Amino acid sequence: MALIPYADAEKMSPELRQSITFFEKMHGRPTLVRRMAAQYDPLLRAIGAMYPAFMKEGKLGQKIKELMFVAASTVHGCAY
């Protein structure tokens, strides 16, 4: 259970709600970190700006980066 409550999508600004639902549709799963970050708009915007830059193809491909996310989650016991 999160210590920071997840933001209620109905109470978000339309811009934030659109950002979160776009990411959820793109990845086919909810984005709980983004929902927590929605409590503080500048944080959500920073995460939103950082993610596409991180996931761009480079020395490591997107599939490898996604596997790194899964590995880190597994090591830390994150079922999500």
Protein backbone atom coordinates (compact mmCIF):
# COMPACT_ATOMS: atom_id res chain seq x y z
CA MET A 1 0.00 0.00 0.00
CA ALA A 2 1.30 3.43 -0.89
CA LEU A 3 2.08 5.91 1.85
CA ILE A 4 1.11 8.73 -0.50
CA PRO A 5 -2.48 8.44 -1.70
CA TYR A 6 -3.11 8.00 -5.39
CA ALA A 7 -4.67 11.07 -6.92
CA ASP A 8 -8.29 10.67 -7.91
CA ALA A 9 -8.49 11.01 -11.69
CA GLU A 10 -11.84 12.81 -11.39
CA LYS A 11 -10.22 15.58 -9.33
CA MET A 12 -7.22 16.11 -11.64
CA SER A 13 -6.98 18.87 -14.15
CA PRO A 14 -7.92 17.72 -17.66
CA GLU A 15 -4.28 18.09 -18.74
CA LEU A 16 -2.97 15.81 -15.97
CA ARG A 17 -5.75 13.28 -16.52
CA GLN A 18 -4.96 13.21 -20.24
CA SER A 19 -1.26 12.68 -19.54
CA ILE A 20 -1.92 9.76 -17.22
CA THR A 21 -4.56 8.07 -19.38
CA PHE A 22 -2.30 8.41 -22.46
CA PHE A 23 0.52 6.62 -20.64
CA GLU A 24 -1.86 3.93 -19.37
CA LYS A 25 -3.21 3.28 -22.87
CA MET A 26 0.30 3.20 -24.32
CA HIS A 27 1.50 0.62 -21.79
CA GLY A 28 -1.75 -1.21 -21.11
CA ARG A 29 -1.50 -0.87 -17.33
CA PRO A 30 -2.14 1.74 -14.67
CA THR A 31 0.68 4.06 -13.71
CA LEU A 32 0.56 4.17 -9.95
CA VAL A 33 3.75 6.24 -9.61
CA ARG A 34 2.28 8.84 -11.95
CA ARG A 35 -0.97 8.84 -9.98
CA MET A 36 0.99 9.52 -6.79
CA ALA A 37 3.07 12.19 -8.54
CA ALA A 38 -0.15 13.88 -9.67
CA GLN A 39 -0.44 15.18 -6.10
CA TYR A 40 2.32 17.63 -7.05
CA ASP A 41 2.00 18.91 -10.62
CA PRO A 42 5.70 19.89 -11.11
CA LEU A 43 6.78 16.36 -10.17
CA LEU A 44 4.39 14.75 -12.63
CA ARG A 45 5.58 17.10 -15.36
CA ALA A 46 9.22 16.25 -14.59
CA ILE A 47 8.50 12.51 -14.74
CA GLY A 48 6.60 13.01 -17.97
CA ALA A 49 9.52 14.88 -19.53
CA MET A 50 12.14 12.41 -18.31
CA TYR A 51 10.51 9.13 -19.37
CA PRO A 52 10.47 9.60 -23.17
CA ALA A 53 14.08 10.78 -23.12
CA PHE A 54 15.10 7.76 -21.06
CA MET A 55 13.22 5.28 -23.26
CA LYS A 56 14.66 6.56 -26.56
CA GLU A 57 16.74 4.06 -28.49
CA GLY A 58 20.42 4.46 -27.80
CA LYS A 59 23.17 2.13 -26.64
CA LEU A 60 20.43 0.15 -24.92
CA GLY A 61 17.18 -0.60 -26.70
CA GLN A 62 13.73 -0.03 -25.23
CA LYS A 63 13.22 -3.75 -24.56
CA ILE A 64 16.40 -3.92 -22.47
CA LYS A 65 15.35 -0.83 -20.53
CA GLU A 66 11.94 -2.31 -19.83
CA LEU A 67 13.61 -5.52 -18.62
CA MET A 68 15.74 -3.39 -16.30
CA PHE A 69 12.54 -1.92 -14.82
CA VAL A 70 11.17 -5.44 -14.29
CA ALA A 71 14.44 -6.64 -12.74
CA ALA A 72 14.60 -3.67 -10.36
CA SER A 73 10.97 -4.22 -9.35
CA THR A 74 11.63 -7.90 -8.71
CA VAL A 75 14.73 -7.24 -6.62
CA HIS A 76 12.81 -4.72 -4.50
CA GLY A 77 9.82 -7.04 -4.08
CA CYS A 78 7.45 -4.84 -6.04
CA ALA A 79 4.59 -7.01 -7.28
CA TYR A 80 3.33 -4.18 -9.49
